[in-house]
C-alpha atoms as a PDB file:
ATOM      1  CA  UNK A   1     -12.721  18.525 -37.787  1.00  0.00           C
ATOM      2  CA  UNK A   2     -12.025  15.024 -36.946  1.00  0.00           C
ATOM      3  CA  UNK A   3      -8.688  15.502 -36.222  1.00  0.00           C
ATOM      4  CA  UNK A   4      -9.305  17.812 -33.153  1.00  0.00           C
ATOM      5  CA  UNK A   5     -12.452  15.375 -31.928  1.00  0.00           C
ATOM      6  CA  UNK A   6     -10.445  12.434 -31.939  1.00  0.00           C
ATOM      7  CA  UNK A   7      -8.386  12.832 -28.492  1.00  0.00           C
ATOM      8  CA  UNK A   8     -11.243  13.847 -26.850  1.00  0.00           C
ATOM      9  CA  UNK A   9     -13.153  10.905 -28.487  1.00  0.00           C
ATOM     10  CA  UNK A  10     -10.208   8.792 -27.105  1.00  0.00           C
ATOM     11  CA  UNK A  11     -10.337  10.486 -23.580  1.00  0.00           C
ATOM     12  CA  UNK A  12     -14.549  10.024 -23.451  1.00  0.00           C
ATOM     13  CA  UNK A  13     -14.471   6.290 -22.442  1.00  0.00           C
ATOM     14  CA  UNK A  14     -12.133   6.798 -19.376  1.00  0.00           C
ATOM     15  CA  UNK A  15     -13.399   9.705 -18.574  1.00  0.00           C
ATOM     16  CA  UNK A  16     -17.157   8.601 -18.387  1.00  0.00           C
ATOM     17  CA  UNK A  17     -16.038   5.925 -16.382  1.00  0.00           C
ATOM     18  CA  UNK A  18     -14.031   7.434 -13.973  1.00  0.00           C
ATOM     19  CA  UNK A  19     -17.007  10.294 -13.773  1.00  0.00           C
ATOM     20  CA  UNK A  20     -19.862   6.933 -12.857  1.00  0.00           C
ATOM     21  CA  UNK A  21     -17.294   4.910 -10.753  1.00  0.00           C
ATOM     22  CA  UNK A  22     -15.181   7.869  -9.253  1.00  0.00           C
ATOM     23  CA  UNK A  23     -17.078  11.119  -8.987  1.00  0.00           C
ATOM     24  CA  UNK A  24     -20.632  10.810  -8.420  1.00  0.00           C
ATOM     25  CA  UNK A  25     -19.158   8.112  -5.368  1.00  0.00           C
ATOM     26  CA  UNK A  26     -17.429  10.517  -4.138  1.00  0.00           C
ATOM     27  CA  UNK A  27     -20.020  13.089  -4.631  1.00  0.00           C
ATOM     28  CA  UNK A  28     -22.472  11.102  -2.619  1.00  0.00           C
ATOM     29  CA  UNK A  29     -20.035  10.040   0.313  1.00  0.00           C
ATOM     30  CA  UNK A  30     -19.027  14.145   0.792  1.00  0.00           C
ATOM     31  CA  UNK A  31     -22.893  14.276   1.105  1.00  0.00           C
ATOM     32  CA  UNK A  32     -23.843  11.707   3.696  1.00  0.00           C
ATOM     33  CA  UNK A  33     -20.894  12.673   5.954  1.00  0.00           C
ATOM     34  CA  UNK A  34     -22.528  15.988   6.095  1.00  0.00           C
ATOM     35  CA  UNK A  35     -26.217  14.352   6.567  1.00  0.00           C
ATOM     36  CA  UNK A  36     -28.143  13.341   9.752  1.00  0.00           C
ATOM     37  CA  UNK A  37     -30.877  10.649  10.588  1.00  0.00           C
ATOM     38  CA  UNK A  38     -30.348   7.061  10.774  1.00  0.00           C
ATOM     39  CA  UNK A  39     -31.518   4.090   8.847  1.00  0.00           C
ATOM     40  CA  UNK A  40     -35.241   3.550   9.383  1.00  0.00           C
ATOM     41  CA  UNK A  41     -36.127   7.199   9.176  1.00  0.00           C
ATOM     42  CA  UNK A  42     -33.597   8.194   6.511  1.00  0.00           C
ATOM     43  CA  UNK A  43     -30.848  10.744   6.098  1.00  0.00           C
ATOM     44  CA  UNK A  44     -31.010  14.847   5.403  1.00  0.00           C
ATOM     45  CA  UNK A  45     -28.620  16.738   4.363  1.00  0.00           C
ATOM     46  CA  UNK A  46     -27.977  19.310   7.076  1.00  0.00           C
ATOM     47  CA  UNK A  47     -24.116  20.319   6.713  1.00  0.00           C
ATOM     48  CA  UNK A  48     -23.701  18.444  10.090  1.00  0.00           C
ATOM     49  CA  UNK A  49     -19.730  19.205  10.074  1.00  0.00           C
ATOM     50  CA  UNK A  50     -19.499  18.081  13.568  1.00  0.00           C
ATOM     51  CA  UNK A  51     -19.594  14.355  12.271  1.00  0.00           C
ATOM     52  CA  UNK A  52     -16.039  15.086  11.378  1.00  0.00           C
ATOM     53  CA  UNK A  53     -14.937  16.230  14.512  1.00  0.00           C
ATOM     54  CA  UNK A  54     -16.671  13.565  16.381  1.00  0.00           C
ATOM     55  CA  UNK A  55     -14.997  10.403  14.214  1.00  0.00           C
ATOM     56  CA  UNK A  56     -11.364  11.870  14.717  1.00  0.00           C
ATOM     57  CA  UNK A  57     -11.927  12.457  17.976  1.00  0.00           C
ATOM     58  CA  UNK A  58     -13.386   8.996  18.772  1.00  0.00           C
ATOM     59  CA  UNK A  59     -11.218   7.136  16.294  1.00  0.00           C
ATOM     60  CA  UNK A  60      -8.015   8.992  16.107  1.00  0.00           C
ATOM     61  CA  UNK A  61      -5.787   6.646  17.646  1.00  0.00           C
ATOM     62  CA  UNK A  62      -6.867   4.041  14.772  1.00  0.00           C
ATOM     63  CA  UNK A  63      -6.172   6.426  12.440  1.00  0.00           C
ATOM     64  CA  UNK A  64      -2.614   7.062  13.860  1.00  0.00           C
ATOM     65  CA  UNK A  65      -1.928   3.203  14.203  1.00  0.00           C
ATOM     66  CA  UNK A  66      -2.957   2.780  10.554  1.00  0.00           C
ATOM     67  CA  UNK A  67      -0.580   5.368   9.253  1.00  0.00           C
ATOM     68  CA  UNK A  68       2.264   3.919  11.454  1.00  0.00           C
ATOM     69  CA  UNK A  69       1.827   0.433  10.234  1.00  0.00           C
ATOM     70  CA  UNK A  70       1.451   1.911   6.483  1.00  0.00           C
ATOM     71  CA  UNK A  71       4.422   3.535   7.119  1.00  0.00           C
ATOM     72  CA  UNK A  72       6.371   0.538   8.944  1.00  0.00           C
ATOM     73  CA  UNK A  73       5.161  -1.763   5.990  1.00  0.00           C
ATOM     74  CA  UNK A  74       6.724   0.688   3.214  1.00  0.00           C
ATOM     75  CA  UNK A  75      10.317   0.916   4.925  1.00  0.00           C
ATOM     76  CA  UNK A  76      10.226  -2.923   5.079  1.00  0.00           C
ATOM     77  CA  UNK A  77       8.996  -3.503   1.378  1.00  0.00           C
ATOM     78  CA  UNK A  78      11.787  -1.035  -0.037  1.00  0.00           C
ATOM     79  CA  UNK A  79      14.184  -3.340   2.140  1.00  0.00           C
ATOM     80  CA  UNK A  80      12.449  -6.444   0.914  1.00  0.00           C
ATOM     81  CA  UNK A  81      11.582  -5.547  -2.795  1.00  0.00           C
ATOM     82  CA  UNK A  82      15.050  -3.873  -3.640  1.00  0.00           C
ATOM     83  CA  UNK A  83      17.625  -7.246  -3.417  1.00  0.00           C
ATOM     84  CA  UNK A  84      15.098  -8.917  -5.585  1.00  0.00           C
ATOM     85  CA  UNK A  85      14.262  -6.648  -8.265  1.00  0.00           C
ATOM     86  CA  UNK A  86      17.951  -6.215  -8.435  1.00  0.00           C
ATOM     87  CA  UNK A  87      18.807  -9.522  -8.931  1.00  0.00           C
ATOM     88  CA  UNK A  88      15.775  -9.863 -11.591  1.00  0.00           C
ATOM     89  CA  UNK A  89      16.866  -6.939 -13.383  1.00  0.00           C
ATOM     90  CA  UNK A  90      20.677  -7.616 -13.643  1.00  0.00           C
ATOM     91  CA  UNK A  91      21.283 -11.610 -12.460  1.00  0.00           C
ATOM     92  CA  UNK A  92      18.253 -12.990 -14.151  1.00  0.00           C
ATOM     93  CA  UNK A  93      18.818 -12.645 -17.644  1.00  0.00           C
ATOM     94  CA  UNK A  94      16.927 -15.275 -19.528  1.00  0.00           C
ATOM     95  CA  UNK A  95      15.163 -16.078 -16.847  1.00  0.00           C
ATOM     96  CA  UNK A  96      13.490 -12.898 -16.177  1.00  0.00           C
ATOM     97  CA  UNK A  97      10.113 -13.892 -17.505  1.00  0.00           C
ATOM     98  CA  UNK A  98       9.783 -16.753 -15.391  1.00  0.00           C
ATOM     99  CA  UNK A  99      11.161 -15.088 -11.982  1.00  0.00           C
ATOM    100  CA  UNK A 100       8.416 -12.311 -12.623  1.00  0.00           C
ATOM    101  CA  UNK A 101       6.154 -14.888 -13.242  1.00  0.00           C
ATOM    102  CA  UNK A 102       7.222 -16.664  -9.683  1.00  0.00           C
ATOM    103  CA  UNK A 103       7.128 -13.489  -8.372  1.00  0.00           C
ATOM    104  CA  UNK A 104       3.082 -12.854  -9.271  1.00  0.00           C
ATOM    105  CA  UNK A 105       2.456 -16.651  -9.109  1.00  0.00           C
ATOM    106  CA  UNK A 106       0.687 -16.669  -5.239  1.00  0.00           C
ATOM    107  CA  UNK A 107      -1.397 -13.359  -6.533  1.00  0.00           C
ATOM    108  CA  UNK A 108      -3.446 -15.389  -8.895  1.00  0.00           C
ATOM    109  CA  UNK A 109      -4.951 -16.442  -5.802  1.00  0.00           C
ATOM    110  CA  UNK A 110      -7.723 -14.547  -3.797  1.00  0.00           C
ATOM    111  CA  UNK A 111      -6.195 -11.906  -1.649  1.00  0.00           C
ATOM    112  CA  UNK A 112      -8.584 -13.088   1.477  1.00  0.00           C
ATOM    113  CA  UNK A 113      -7.215 -16.312   1.075  1.00  0.00           C
ATOM    114  CA  UNK A 114      -3.777 -15.643   1.049  1.00  0.00           C
ATOM    115  CA  UNK A 115      -4.188 -13.703   4.204  1.00  0.00           C
ATOM    116  CA  UNK A 116      -5.961 -16.644   5.924  1.00  0.00           C
ATOM    117  CA  UNK A 117      -3.337 -19.070   5.104  1.00  0.00           C
ATOM    118  CA  UNK A 118      -0.589 -16.566   6.842  1.00  0.00           C
ATOM    119  CA  UNK A 119      -3.159 -16.905   9.781  1.00  0.00           C
ATOM    120  CA  UNK A 120      -2.455 -20.730   9.662  1.00  0.00           C
ATOM    121  CA  UNK A 121       1.276 -19.802   9.249  1.00  0.00           C
ATOM    122  CA  UNK A 122       1.223 -17.756  12.339  1.00  0.00           C
ATOM    123  CA  UNK A 123      -0.895 -19.695  14.517  1.00  0.00           C
ATOM    124  CA  UNK A 124       0.774 -20.709  17.926  1.00  0.00           C
ATOM    125  CA  UNK A 125       0.883 -24.665  16.880  1.00  0.00           C
ATOM    126  CA  UNK A 126       1.055 -23.683  13.130  1.00  0.00           C
ATOM    127  CA  UNK A 127       4.341 -24.897  10.710  1.00  0.00           C
ATOM    128  CA  UNK A 128       6.224 -22.178  12.203  1.00  0.00           C
ATOM    129  CA  UNK A 129       6.270 -21.862  15.575  1.00  0.00           C
ATOM    130  CA  UNK A 130       4.814 -25.112  16.370  1.00  0.00           C
ATOM    131  CA  UNK A 131       8.265 -27.138  15.464  1.00  0.00           C
ATOM    132  CA  UNK A 132      10.702 -24.337  17.163  1.00  0.00           C
ATOM    133  CA  UNK A 133       8.203 -24.708  20.377  1.00  0.00           C
ATOM    134  CA  UNK A 134       8.498 -28.420  20.150  1.00  0.00           C
ATOM    135  CA  UNK A 135      12.402 -27.999  20.289  1.00  0.00           C
ATOM    136  CA  UNK A 136      12.477 -25.842  23.083  1.00  0.00           C
ATOM    137  CA  UNK A 137      13.599 -22.947  20.926  1.00  0.00           C
ATOM    138  CA  UNK A 138      10.941 -20.973  22.189  1.00  0.00           C
ATOM    139  CA  UNK A 139       8.897 -20.372  25.034  1.00  0.00           C
ATOM    140  CA  UNK A 140       4.914 -22.340  25.158  1.00  0.00           C
ATOM    141  CA  UNK A 141       3.719 -18.173  25.726  1.00  0.00           C
ATOM    142  CA  UNK A 142       5.270 -16.851  22.687  1.00  0.00           C
ATOM    143  CA  UNK A 143       2.847 -15.884  19.962  1.00  0.00           C
ATOM    144  CA  UNK A 144       2.730 -13.749  16.759  1.00  0.00           C
ATOM    145  CA  UNK A 145      -0.895 -13.897  15.924  1.00  0.00           C
ATOM    146  CA  UNK A 146      -2.934 -11.167  16.967  1.00  0.00           C
ATOM    147  CA  UNK A 147       0.144  -8.845  17.500  1.00  0.00           C
ATOM    148  CA  UNK A 148       1.171  -5.770  15.212  1.00  0.00           C
ATOM    149  CA  UNK A 149       4.188  -7.971  13.822  1.00  0.00           C
ATOM    150  CA  UNK A 150       1.208 -10.121  12.071  1.00  0.00           C
ATOM    151  CA  UNK A 151      -0.843  -7.286  10.710  1.00  0.00           C
ATOM    152  CA  UNK A 152       2.594  -5.970   9.415  1.00  0.00           C
ATOM    153  CA  UNK A 153       4.185  -9.251   8.215  1.00  0.00           C
ATOM    154  CA  UNK A 154       0.690  -9.903   6.087  1.00  0.00           C
ATOM    155  CA  UNK A 155       0.761  -6.562   4.522  1.00  0.00           C
ATOM    156  CA  UNK A 156       4.356  -6.742   3.673  1.00  0.00           C
ATOM    157  CA  UNK A 157       3.344 -10.065   1.740  1.00  0.00           C
ATOM    158  CA  UNK A 158       0.712  -8.955   0.074  1.00  0.00           C
ATOM    159  CA  UNK A 159       1.617  -5.977  -1.288  1.00  0.00           C
ATOM    160  CA  UNK A 160       5.354  -7.090  -2.200  1.00  0.00           C
ATOM    161  CA  UNK A 161       5.093  -7.284  -6.014  1.00  0.00           C
ATOM    162  CA  UNK A 162       3.412  -3.274  -6.062  1.00  0.00           C
ATOM    163  CA  UNK A 163       7.071  -2.412  -4.491  1.00  0.00           C
ATOM    164  CA  UNK A 164       9.144  -4.844  -6.734  1.00  0.00           C
ATOM    165  CA  UNK A 165       7.627  -4.469  -9.970  1.00  0.00           C
ATOM    166  CA  UNK A 166       8.434  -0.525 -10.210  1.00  0.00           C
ATOM    167  CA  UNK A 167      11.834  -0.925  -8.634  1.00  0.00           C
ATOM    168  CA  UNK A 168      12.716  -3.659 -11.254  1.00  0.00           C
ATOM    169  CA  UNK A 169      11.257  -1.767 -14.193  1.00  0.00           C
ATOM    170  CA  UNK A 170      13.475   1.324 -13.071  1.00  0.00           C
ATOM    171  CA  UNK A 171      16.699  -0.881 -12.763  1.00  0.00           C
ATOM    172  CA  UNK A 172      15.961  -2.385 -16.094  1.00  0.00           C
ATOM    173  CA  UNK A 173      16.833   0.702 -17.738  1.00  0.00           C
ATOM    174  CA  UNK A 174      20.083   1.377 -15.978  1.00  0.00           C
ATOM    175  CA  UNK A 175      22.970   0.527 -18.544  1.00  0.00           C
ATOM    176  CA  UNK A 176      25.018  -1.807 -17.124  1.00  0.00           C
ATOM    177  CA  UNK A 177      28.303  -0.287 -18.545  1.00  0.00           C
ATOM    178  CA  UNK A 178      27.148   2.724 -15.921  1.00  0.00           C
ATOM    179  CA  UNK A 179      28.027   0.369 -13.094  1.00  0.00           C
ATOM    180  CA  UNK A 180      31.078  -0.714 -14.832  1.00  0.00           C
ATOM    181  CA  UNK A 181      32.265   2.778 -15.306  1.00  0.00           C
ATOM    182  CA  UNK A 182      31.596   3.399 -11.635  1.00  0.00           C
ATOM    183  CA  UNK A 183      34.003   0.361 -10.877  1.00  0.00           C
ATOM    184  CA  UNK A 184      36.494   1.294 -13.080  1.00  0.00           C
ATOM    185  CA  UNK A 185      36.917   4.736 -11.093  1.00  0.00           C
ATOM    186  CA  UNK A 186      37.505   2.885  -8.193  1.00  0.00           C
ATOM    187  CA  UNK A 187      34.384   3.158  -6.314  1.00  0.00           C
ATOM    188  CA  UNK A 188      33.237  -0.076  -4.375  1.00  0.00           C
ATOM    189  CA  UNK A 189      30.575  -1.822  -5.051  1.00  0.00           C
ATOM    190  CA  UNK A 190      28.596   0.014  -2.018  1.00  0.00           C
ATOM    191  CA  UNK A 191      29.578   3.408  -3.599  1.00  0.00           C
ATOM    192  CA  UNK A 192      28.512   2.349  -6.819  1.00  0.00           C
ATOM    193  CA  UNK A 193      25.677   1.220  -5.563  1.00  0.00           C
ATOM    194  CA  UNK A 194      24.974   4.396  -2.877  1.00  0.00           C
ATOM    195  CA  UNK A 195      25.869   6.946  -6.056  1.00  0.00           C
ATOM    196  CA  UNK A 196      24.705   5.325  -8.915  1.00  0.00           C
ATOM    197  CA  UNK A 197      22.289   2.793  -8.907  1.00  0.00           C
ATOM    198  CA  UNK A 198      19.772   3.817  -6.256  1.00  0.00           C
ATOM    199  CA  UNK A 199      19.982   7.577  -7.534  1.00  0.00           C
ATOM    200  CA  UNK A 200      18.883   6.114 -11.173  1.00  0.00           C
ATOM    201  CA  UNK A 201      15.800   3.680  -9.167  1.00  0.00           C
ATOM    202  CA  UNK A 202      14.488   6.535  -7.397  1.00  0.00           C
ATOM    203  CA  UNK A 203      11.663   6.783 -10.132  1.00  0.00           C
ATOM    204  CA  UNK A 204      10.554   3.194  -9.050  1.00  0.00           C
ATOM    205  CA  UNK A 205      10.867   3.234  -5.656  1.00  0.00           C
ATOM    206  CA  UNK A 206       8.731   6.828  -5.850  1.00  0.00           C
ATOM    207  CA  UNK A 207       6.180   4.461  -7.355  1.00  0.00           C
ATOM    208  CA  UNK A 208       6.683   1.894  -5.297  1.00  0.00           C
ATOM    209  CA  UNK A 209       5.942   3.958  -1.950  1.00  0.00           C
ATOM    210  CA  UNK A 210       2.824   5.312  -3.918  1.00  0.00           C
ATOM    211  CA  UNK A 211       1.728   1.914  -4.879  1.00  0.00           C
ATOM    212  CA  UNK A 212       2.140   0.366  -1.219  1.00  0.00           C
ATOM    213  CA  UNK A 213       1.998   3.302   1.183  1.00  0.00           C
ATOM    214  CA  UNK A 214      -1.799   4.521   0.400  1.00  0.00           C
ATOM    215  CA  UNK A 215      -3.601   0.738   0.277  1.00  0.00           C
ATOM    216  CA  UNK A 216      -1.324  -0.430   3.046  1.00  0.00           C
ATOM    217  CA  UNK A 217      -2.834   2.530   5.411  1.00  0.00           C
ATOM    218  CA  UNK A 218      -6.158   2.201   4.400  1.00  0.00           C
ATOM    219  CA  UNK A 219      -6.247  -1.900   4.541  1.00  0.00           C
ATOM    220  CA  UNK A 220      -8.433  -3.958   7.080  1.00  0.00           C
ATOM    221  CA  UNK A 221      -8.235  -7.570   5.575  1.00  0.00           C
ATOM    222  CA  UNK A 222      -5.199  -8.226   7.526  1.00  0.00           C
ATOM    223  CA  UNK A 223      -6.073  -6.525  10.461  1.00  0.00           C
ATOM    224  CA  UNK A 224      -9.098  -8.055  10.839  1.00  0.00           C
ATOM    225  CA  UNK A 225      -7.595 -11.821  10.050  1.00  0.00           C
ATOM    226  CA  UNK A 226      -4.197 -11.469  11.281  1.00  0.00           C
ATOM    227  CA  UNK A 227      -4.873  -8.656  14.294  1.00  0.00           C
ATOM    228  CA  UNK A 228      -6.947  -8.394  17.424  1.00  0.00           C
ATOM    229  CA  UNK A 229      -8.745  -5.531  18.850  1.00  0.00           C
ATOM    230  CA  UNK A 230      -5.552  -3.896  19.977  1.00  0.00           C
ATOM    231  CA  UNK A 231      -4.311  -3.941  16.484  1.00  0.00           C
ATOM    232  CA  UNK A 232      -7.690  -2.762  14.730  1.00  0.00           C
ATOM    233  CA  UNK A 233      -6.891  -0.008  11.528  1.00  0.00           C
ATOM    234  CA  UNK A 234      -9.018   2.704  10.319  1.00  0.00           C
ATOM    235  CA  UNK A 235     -10.287   0.460   7.145  1.00  0.00           C
ATOM    236  CA  UNK A 236     -11.447  -2.161   9.824  1.00  0.00           C
ATOM    237  CA  UNK A 237     -13.497   0.853  11.513  1.00  0.00           C
ATOM    238  CA  UNK A 238     -14.768   2.341   8.219  1.00  0.00           C
ATOM    239  CA  UNK A 239     -16.148  -1.295   7.312  1.00  0.00           C
ATOM    240  CA  UNK A 240     -17.468  -1.452  10.425  1.00  0.00           C
ATOM    241  CA  UNK A 241     -19.778   1.645  10.518  1.00  0.00           C
ATOM    242  CA  UNK A 242     -20.811   1.445   6.579  1.00  0.00           C
ATOM    243  CA  UNK A 243     -21.955  -2.634   6.582  1.00  0.00           C
ATOM    244  CA  UNK A 244     -22.470  -3.341  10.603  1.00  0.00           C
ATOM    245  CA  UNK A 245     -23.634  -0.100  12.275  1.00  0.00           C
ATOM    246  CA  UNK A 246     -25.377   1.336   9.183  1.00  0.00           C
ATOM    247  CA  UNK A 247     -23.720   4.589  10.760  1.00  0.00           C
ATOM    248  CA  UNK A 248     -23.514   6.278   6.917  1.00  0.00           C
ATOM    249  CA  UNK A 249     -22.497   9.717   8.396  1.00  0.00           C
ATOM    250  CA  UNK A 250     -19.693   8.521  10.272  1.00  0.00           C
ATOM    251  CA  UNK A 251     -18.385   6.378   7.952  1.00  0.00           C
ATOM    252  CA  UNK A 252     -18.084   8.679   5.219  1.00  0.00           C
ATOM    253  CA  UNK A 253     -16.699  11.342   7.244  1.00  0.00           C
ATOM    254  CA  UNK A 254     -13.755   8.886   8.146  1.00  0.00           C
ATOM    255  CA  UNK A 255     -12.899   7.944   4.895  1.00  0.00           C
ATOM    256  CA  UNK A 256     -12.727  11.487   3.463  1.00  0.00           C
ATOM    257  CA  UNK A 257     -10.547  12.187   6.670  1.00  0.00           C
ATOM    258  CA  UNK A 258      -8.525   8.959   5.850  1.00  0.00           C
ATOM    259  CA  UNK A 259      -8.104  10.584   1.875  1.00  0.00           C
ATOM    260  CA  UNK A 260      -7.382  13.980   3.043  1.00  0.00           C
ATOM    261  CA  UNK A 261      -4.531  12.770   5.549  1.00  0.00           C
ATOM    262  CA  UNK A 262      -2.851  10.209   2.650  1.00  0.00           C
ATOM    263  CA  UNK A 263      -2.968  13.373   0.241  1.00  0.00           C
ATOM    264  CA  UNK A 264      -1.273  15.535   2.537  1.00  0.00           C
ATOM    265  CA  UNK A 265       1.238  12.550   3.282  1.00  0.00           C
ATOM    266  CA  UNK A 266       1.828  11.691  -0.639  1.00  0.00           C
ATOM    267  CA  UNK A 267       2.385  15.431  -1.583  1.00  0.00           C
ATOM    268  CA  UNK A 268       4.554  16.057   1.556  1.00  0.00           C
ATOM    269  CA  UNK A 269       6.711  12.983   0.332  1.00  0.00           C
ATOM    270  CA  UNK A 270       6.361  13.969  -3.519  1.00  0.00           C
ATOM    271  CA  UNK A 271       7.818  17.557  -2.527  1.00  0.00           C
ATOM    272  CA  UNK A 272      10.501  16.193   0.225  1.00  0.00           C
ATOM    273  CA  UNK A 273      11.677  13.646  -2.291  1.00  0.00           C
ATOM    274  CA  UNK A 274      11.716  16.211  -4.926  1.00  0.00           C
ATOM    275  CA  UNK A 275       9.344  14.842  -8.366  1.00  0.00           C
ATOM    276  CA  UNK A 276      11.186  17.399 -11.014  1.00  0.00           C
ATOM    277  CA  UNK A 277      14.619  15.624  -9.898  1.00  0.00           C
ATOM    278  CA  UNK A 278      12.990  12.062 -10.224  1.00  0.00           C
ATOM    279  CA  UNK A 279      11.268  12.998 -13.589  1.00  0.00           C
ATOM    280  CA  UNK A 280      14.568  14.092 -14.680  1.00  0.00           C
ATOM    281  CA  UNK A 281      16.349  10.743 -13.883  1.00  0.00           C
ATOM    282  CA  UNK A 282      13.284   8.912 -15.221  1.00  0.00           C
ATOM    283  CA  UNK A 283      13.832  10.559 -18.681  1.00  0.00           C
ATOM    284  CA  UNK A 284      17.399  10.025 -19.205  1.00  0.00           C
END
């Protein structure tokens, strides 16, 4: 009897945690999205689905903008993270732990504080643009802060480790002799990377995309600190509707809409990439 109950007892703490902090809030949010009323007079569950239509109609620009920013950020993260992970995995040797620690070191500081620091770096007279303008290399009217570039740079910086680490783990599992065998068969470094290294690293890329696209698309800190009114993301709208306007039905409807869109995107990505093929590669 004990042996039969053991698996369920092991799952119980995690199951209760998910029930209390995921299922209950989700059900509450779903209920709020279908209610009508206000903070003063209270809300009543009326099954008002029009809230979803109104929310999507009014904030579709911010929703699409968030998905575009998230997609661009994810692509840039793959480009930036792969060389870093590759170097640590194949050339780090005894310094692997040190290099990984240095990669994670800035993230011992608050997410918000790190984003604010980028504001000082990208400001017109900051340490990046100030000297370039003084040297006459940039026009005085040139600026980055308050543009999509600033927001995407902040997103890439803040989510970089979430792409580096999964790719590093996948590359770490590759037997160097496999790469050497490809070169012995007269494959150029580029061909060896394209035909051997990258396919074997796909499980890490797959995990990294999931770990970065979803939070980057729903982020609101970077767009609030580094952006402007023209770069508002859907996360900002949801935050404002919840905490400023106290418009809980609209905020809840937007949250569910964002979650649904992201889930559809993730499933489409998984289907296009072929999760079975990825898992087969990972199991080798």
